[in-house]
Amino acid sequence: MKKIVLSLAIIGLAFMVSAQKMAFIDTEYIMENIPAYKAAQNQLDQLSSQYQKELESIHSEIEQMYKDFQAESVLLSEDMKRKREDVIITKEKDYKMLQRKYFGPNGDLFKKRQSLVKPIQDDIFTAVQELSSEGNYALIFDKAGGTTLFFTNPKFDLSDQVLQKLGYK
């Protein structure tokens, strides 16, 4: 329903600015054709994989500690049980903290993505702004990510021009 309403709003906007020029770009296509973006993605994938392996290792260790505790709990005193439970709980808390540190909203992976990808996105935005000024475009849509554009005429696609403006073929 949201897509229909948004589509109608875009169509209405198009009628209101029919005297204005409009174009579209595909940021996914643009970024896929920038080698620095591909290199950044590879670096982020490697870092994510490294973090994931470390977390899986810790999780396996916690599971083993819990299994050992269950197997030995019959033989342990109440005091020893509490101590072992505390150790497991502490380890689980550390695991969750590390998980948030790596993959949280402001985690290491997010910060690394910002440092590697944001400059590329900023360059793309600057190139689009320049093309908008040069071509007197009132609106430039991004069709990446499944936006609500039902039809796009390739003659208004500025994606290749953005790549050229950035110095890529």
C-alpha atoms as a PDB file:
ATOM      1  CA  MET A   1       0.000   0.000   0.000  1.00  0.00           C
ATOM      2  CA  LYS A   2       2.875   2.377   0.837  1.00  0.00           C
ATOM      3  CA  LYS A   3       4.392   1.800  -2.609  1.00  0.00           C
ATOM      4  CA  ILE A   4       1.110   2.634  -4.324  1.00  0.00           C
ATOM      5  CA  VAL A   5       0.694   5.856  -2.338  1.00  0.00           C
ATOM      6  CA  LEU A   6       4.326   6.811  -2.933  1.00  0.00           C
ATOM      7  CA  SER A   7       3.990   6.010  -6.642  1.00  0.00           C
ATOM      8  CA  LEU A   8       0.884   8.185  -6.897  1.00  0.00           C
ATOM      9  CA  ALA A   9       2.730  10.965  -5.090  1.00  0.00           C
ATOM     10  CA  ILE A  10       5.626  10.708  -7.532  1.00  0.00           C
ATOM     11  CA  ILE A  11       3.267  10.714 -10.506  1.00  0.00           C
ATOM     12  CA  GLY A  12       1.471  13.724  -9.052  1.00  0.00           C
ATOM     13  CA  LEU A  13       4.771  15.460  -8.512  1.00  0.00           C
ATOM     14  CA  ALA A  14       5.756  14.652 -12.085  1.00  0.00           C
ATOM     15  CA  PHE A  15       2.598  16.330 -13.382  1.00  0.00           C
ATOM     16  CA  MET A  16       3.219  19.370 -11.190  1.00  0.00           C
ATOM     17  CA  VAL A  17       6.742  19.796 -12.510  1.00  0.00           C
ATOM     18  CA  SER A  18       6.074  18.595 -16.039  1.00  0.00           C
ATOM     19  CA  ALA A  19       7.966  21.588 -17.390  1.00  0.00           C
ATOM     20  CA  GLN A  20      10.957  20.521 -15.300  1.00  0.00           C
ATOM     21  CA  LYS A  21      13.499  17.964 -16.432  1.00  0.00           C
ATOM     22  CA  MET A  22      13.775  14.710 -14.530  1.00  0.00           C
ATOM     23  CA  ALA A  23      16.302  11.904 -14.681  1.00  0.00           C
ATOM     24  CA  PHE A  24      17.279   8.858 -12.704  1.00  0.00           C
ATOM     25  CA  ILE A  25      20.384   7.030 -11.602  1.00  0.00           C
ATOM     26  CA  ASP A  26      21.095   3.562 -10.276  1.00  0.00           C
ATOM     27  CA  THR A  27      23.499   3.870  -7.351  1.00  0.00           C
ATOM     28  CA  GLU A  28      23.926   0.090  -7.109  1.00  0.00           C
ATOM     29  CA  TYR A  29      25.096   0.000 -10.734  1.00  0.00           C
ATOM     30  CA  ILE A  30      27.356   2.999 -10.185  1.00  0.00           C
ATOM     31  CA  MET A  31      29.007   1.553  -7.075  1.00  0.00           C
ATOM     32  CA  GLU A  32      29.460  -1.866  -8.698  1.00  0.00           C
ATOM     33  CA  ASN A  33      31.485  -0.131 -11.415  1.00  0.00           C
ATOM     34  CA  ILE A  34      33.819   1.673  -9.014  1.00  0.00           C
ATOM     35  CA  PRO A  35      36.862  -0.475  -8.152  1.00  0.00           C
ATOM     36  CA  ALA A  36      37.376   1.284  -4.806  1.00  0.00           C
ATOM     37  CA  TYR A  37      33.857   0.259  -3.778  1.00  0.00           C
ATOM     38  CA  LYS A  38      34.500  -3.366  -4.706  1.00  0.00           C
ATOM     39  CA  ALA A  39      37.752  -3.306  -2.732  1.00  0.00           C
ATOM     40  CA  ALA A  40      35.955  -1.756   0.245  1.00  0.00           C
ATOM     41  CA  GLN A  41      33.232  -4.422   0.081  1.00  0.00           C
ATOM     42  CA  ASN A  42      35.859  -7.184  -0.013  1.00  0.00           C
ATOM     43  CA  GLN A  43      37.633  -5.674   2.978  1.00  0.00           C
ATOM     44  CA  LEU A  44      34.346  -5.389   4.886  1.00  0.00           C
ATOM     45  CA  ASP A  45      33.404  -8.975   4.007  1.00  0.00           C
ATOM     46  CA  GLN A  46      36.762 -10.231   5.287  1.00  0.00           C
ATOM     47  CA  LEU A  47      36.437  -8.238   8.493  1.00  0.00           C
ATOM     48  CA  SER A  48      32.883  -9.480   9.032  1.00  0.00           C
ATOM     49  CA  SER A  49      33.995 -13.055   8.471  1.00  0.00           C
ATOM     50  CA  GLN A  50      36.863 -12.634  10.938  1.00  0.00           C
ATOM     51  CA  TYR A  51      34.513 -11.210  13.571  1.00  0.00           C
ATOM     52  CA  GLN A  52      31.974 -13.961  12.948  1.00  0.00           C
ATOM     53  CA  LYS A  53      34.595 -16.702  13.355  1.00  0.00           C
ATOM     54  CA  GLU A  54      35.782 -15.189  16.620  1.00  0.00           C
ATOM     55  CA  LEU A  55      32.225 -14.991  17.951  1.00  0.00           C
ATOM     56  CA  GLU A  56      31.451 -18.567  16.850  1.00  0.00           C
ATOM     57  CA  SER A  57      34.545 -19.771  18.683  1.00  0.00           C
ATOM     58  CA  ILE A  58      33.482 -18.024  21.882  1.00  0.00           C
ATOM     59  CA  HIS A  59      29.918 -19.316  21.512  1.00  0.00           C
ATOM     60  CA  SER A  60      31.199 -22.890  21.128  1.00  0.00           C
ATOM     61  CA  GLU A  61      33.301 -22.430  24.239  1.00  0.00           C
ATOM     62  CA  ILE A  62      30.245 -21.224  26.184  1.00  0.00           C
ATOM     63  CA  GLU A  63      28.179 -24.184  24.981  1.00  0.00           C
ATOM     64  CA  GLN A  64      30.928 -26.579  26.056  1.00  0.00           C
ATOM     65  CA  MET A  65      31.167 -24.905  29.453  1.00  0.00           C
ATOM     66  CA  TYR A  66      27.412 -25.284  29.874  1.00  0.00           C
ATOM     67  CA  LYS A  67      27.462 -28.971  28.838  1.00  0.00           C
ATOM     68  CA  ASP A  68      30.323 -29.666  31.221  1.00  0.00           C
ATOM     69  CA  PHE A  69      28.469 -27.894  34.002  1.00  0.00           C
ATOM     70  CA  GLN A  70      25.315 -29.923  33.391  1.00  0.00           C
ATOM     71  CA  ALA A  71      27.288 -33.165  33.392  1.00  0.00           C
ATOM     72  CA  GLU A  72      29.190 -32.312  36.575  1.00  0.00           C
ATOM     73  CA  SER A  73      26.510 -30.402  38.495  1.00  0.00           C
ATOM     74  CA  VAL A  74      25.443 -33.513  40.426  1.00  0.00           C
ATOM     75  CA  LEU A  75      28.926 -33.793  41.894  1.00  0.00           C
ATOM     76  CA  LEU A  76      29.382 -30.102  42.729  1.00  0.00           C
ATOM     77  CA  SER A  77      28.544 -28.327  45.966  1.00  0.00           C
ATOM     78  CA  GLU A  78      26.043 -25.446  45.856  1.00  0.00           C
ATOM     79  CA  ASP A  79      28.891 -22.961  46.214  1.00  0.00           C
ATOM     80  CA  MET A  80      30.818 -24.549  43.319  1.00  0.00           C
ATOM     81  CA  LYS A  81      27.642 -24.621  41.182  1.00  0.00           C
ATOM     82  CA  ARG A  82      27.090 -20.904  41.770  1.00  0.00           C
ATOM     83  CA  LYS A  83      30.698 -20.121  40.876  1.00  0.00           C
ATOM     84  CA  ARG A  84      30.518 -22.137  37.652  1.00  0.00           C
ATOM     85  CA  GLU A  85      27.174 -20.544  36.750  1.00  0.00           C
ATOM     86  CA  ASP A  86      28.657 -17.104  37.385  1.00  0.00           C
ATOM     87  CA  VAL A  87      31.596 -17.893  35.119  1.00  0.00           C
ATOM     88  CA  ILE A  88      29.235 -19.034  32.331  1.00  0.00           C
ATOM     89  CA  ILE A  89      26.985 -15.998  32.774  1.00  0.00           C
ATOM     90  CA  THR A  90      29.973 -13.651  32.701  1.00  0.00           C
ATOM     91  CA  LYS A  91      31.261 -15.329  29.560  1.00  0.00           C
ATOM     92  CA  GLU A  92      27.820 -14.969  27.921  1.00  0.00           C
ATOM     93  CA  LYS A  93      27.712 -11.269  28.830  1.00  0.00           C
ATOM     94  CA  ASP A  94      31.194 -10.768  27.389  1.00  0.00           C
ATOM     95  CA  TYR A  95      30.088 -12.587  24.232  1.00  0.00           C
ATOM     96  CA  LYS A  96      27.054 -10.314  23.815  1.00  0.00           C
ATOM     97  CA  MET A  97      29.145  -7.198  24.469  1.00  0.00           C
ATOM     98  CA  LEU A  98      31.674  -8.287  21.860  1.00  0.00           C
ATOM     99  CA  GLN A  99      28.862  -9.030  19.417  1.00  0.00           C
ATOM    100  CA  ARG A 100      27.502  -5.491  19.902  1.00  0.00           C
ATOM    101  CA  LYS A 101      31.018  -4.057  19.655  1.00  0.00           C
ATOM    102  CA  TYR A 102      31.525  -5.723  16.272  1.00  0.00           C
ATOM    103  CA  PHE A 103      28.069  -5.704  14.709  1.00  0.00           C
ATOM    104  CA  GLY A 104      26.047  -3.152  16.692  1.00  0.00           C
ATOM    105  CA  PRO A 105      24.558   0.030  15.240  1.00  0.00           C
ATOM    106  CA  ASN A 106      27.747   1.941  16.052  1.00  0.00           C
ATOM    107  CA  GLY A 107      30.007  -1.093  16.075  1.00  0.00           C
ATOM    108  CA  ASP A 108      33.391  -1.624  14.519  1.00  0.00           C
ATOM    109  CA  LEU A 109      31.972  -2.968  11.250  1.00  0.00           C
ATOM    110  CA  PHE A 110      29.631   0.022  10.892  1.00  0.00           C
ATOM    111  CA  LYS A 111      32.487   2.454  11.575  1.00  0.00           C
ATOM    112  CA  LYS A 112      34.736   0.691   9.081  1.00  0.00           C
ATOM    113  CA  ARG A 113      31.942   0.784   6.474  1.00  0.00           C
ATOM    114  CA  GLN A 114      31.533   4.505   7.117  1.00  0.00           C
ATOM    115  CA  SER A 115      35.252   5.153   6.678  1.00  0.00           C
ATOM    116  CA  LEU A 116      35.501   3.099   3.475  1.00  0.00           C
ATOM    117  CA  VAL A 117      32.163   3.606   1.695  1.00  0.00           C
ATOM    118  CA  LYS A 118      30.977   7.067   2.761  1.00  0.00           C
ATOM    119  CA  PRO A 119      33.685   8.935   0.784  1.00  0.00           C
ATOM    120  CA  ILE A 120      32.633   7.020  -2.339  1.00  0.00           C
ATOM    121  CA  GLN A 121      28.975   7.861  -1.689  1.00  0.00           C
ATOM    122  CA  ASP A 122      29.902  11.507  -1.141  1.00  0.00           C
ATOM    123  CA  ASP A 123      31.745  11.564  -4.489  1.00  0.00           C
ATOM    124  CA  ILE A 124      28.691  10.085  -6.204  1.00  0.00           C
ATOM    125  CA  PHE A 125      26.434  12.674  -4.590  1.00  0.00           C
ATOM    126  CA  THR A 126      28.738  15.497  -5.708  1.00  0.00           C
ATOM    127  CA  ALA A 127      28.817  14.135  -9.278  1.00  0.00           C
ATOM    128  CA  VAL A 128      25.007  13.901  -9.323  1.00  0.00           C
ATOM    129  CA  GLN A 129      24.719  17.473  -8.045  1.00  0.00           C
ATOM    130  CA  GLU A 130      27.054  18.659 -10.809  1.00  0.00           C
ATOM    131  CA  LEU A 131      25.120  16.747 -13.475  1.00  0.00           C
ATOM    132  CA  SER A 132      21.888  18.150 -12.102  1.00  0.00           C
ATOM    133  CA  SER A 133      23.205  21.689 -12.432  1.00  0.00           C
ATOM    134  CA  GLU A 134      24.730  21.094 -15.865  1.00  0.00           C
ATOM    135  CA  GLY A 135      21.589  19.423 -17.236  1.00  0.00           C
ATOM    136  CA  ASN A 136      19.090  21.663 -15.427  1.00  0.00           C
ATOM    137  CA  TYR A 137      17.378  18.664 -13.843  1.00  0.00           C
ATOM    138  CA  ALA A 138      14.753  19.466 -11.267  1.00  0.00           C
ATOM    139  CA  LEU A 139      14.564  15.894  -9.954  1.00  0.00           C
ATOM    140  CA  ILE A 140      16.900  12.931 -10.107  1.00  0.00           C
ATOM    141  CA  PHE A 141      15.538   9.652  -8.808  1.00  0.00           C
ATOM    142  CA  ASP A 142      17.543   6.672  -7.645  1.00  0.00           C
ATOM    143  CA  LYS A 143      16.105   3.416  -8.909  1.00  0.00           C
ATOM    144  CA  ALA A 144      18.451   1.243  -6.822  1.00  0.00           C
ATOM    145  CA  GLY A 145      16.984  -0.905  -4.083  1.00  0.00           C
ATOM    146  CA  GLY A 146      13.577  -1.408  -5.649  1.00  0.00           C
ATOM    147  CA  THR A 147      12.140   2.084  -5.526  1.00  0.00           C
ATOM    148  CA  THR A 148       8.665   2.773  -6.805  1.00  0.00           C
ATOM    149  CA  LEU A 149       9.571   3.679 -10.369  1.00  0.00           C
ATOM    150  CA  PHE A 150       7.436   1.541 -12.634  1.00  0.00           C
ATOM    151  CA  PHE A 151       9.123   2.533 -15.866  1.00  0.00           C
ATOM    152  CA  THR A 152      12.340   4.301 -16.621  1.00  0.00           C
ATOM    153  CA  ASN A 153      13.356   5.495 -20.035  1.00  0.00           C
ATOM    154  CA  PRO A 154      17.044   4.664 -20.533  1.00  0.00           C
ATOM    155  CA  LYS A 155      17.682   8.006 -22.247  1.00  0.00           C
ATOM    156  CA  PHE A 156      17.195   9.709 -18.864  1.00  0.00           C
ATOM    157  CA  ASP A 157      19.552   7.344 -16.999  1.00  0.00           C
ATOM    158  CA  LEU A 158      22.532   9.358 -15.819  1.00  0.00           C
ATOM    159  CA  SER A 159      24.339   6.458 -14.125  1.00  0.00           C
ATOM    160  CA  ASP A 160      27.045   6.170 -16.803  1.00  0.00           C
ATOM    161  CA  GLN A 161      27.534   9.934 -16.777  1.00  0.00           C
ATOM    162  CA  VAL A 162      28.014   9.831 -12.998  1.00  0.00           C
ATOM    163  CA  LEU A 163      30.679   7.153 -13.470  1.00  0.00           C
ATOM    164  CA  GLN A 164      32.358   9.279 -16.176  1.00  0.00           C
ATOM    165  CA  LYS A 165      32.226  12.328 -13.912  1.00  0.00           C
ATOM    166  CA  LEU A 166      33.999  10.237 -11.260  1.00  0.00           C
ATOM    167  CA  GLY A 167      36.621   9.171 -13.819  1.00  0.00           C
ATOM    168  CA  TYR A 168      35.445   5.578 -14.382  1.00  0.00           C
ATOM    169  CA  LYS A 169      34.388   3.903 -17.586  1.00  0.00           C
END
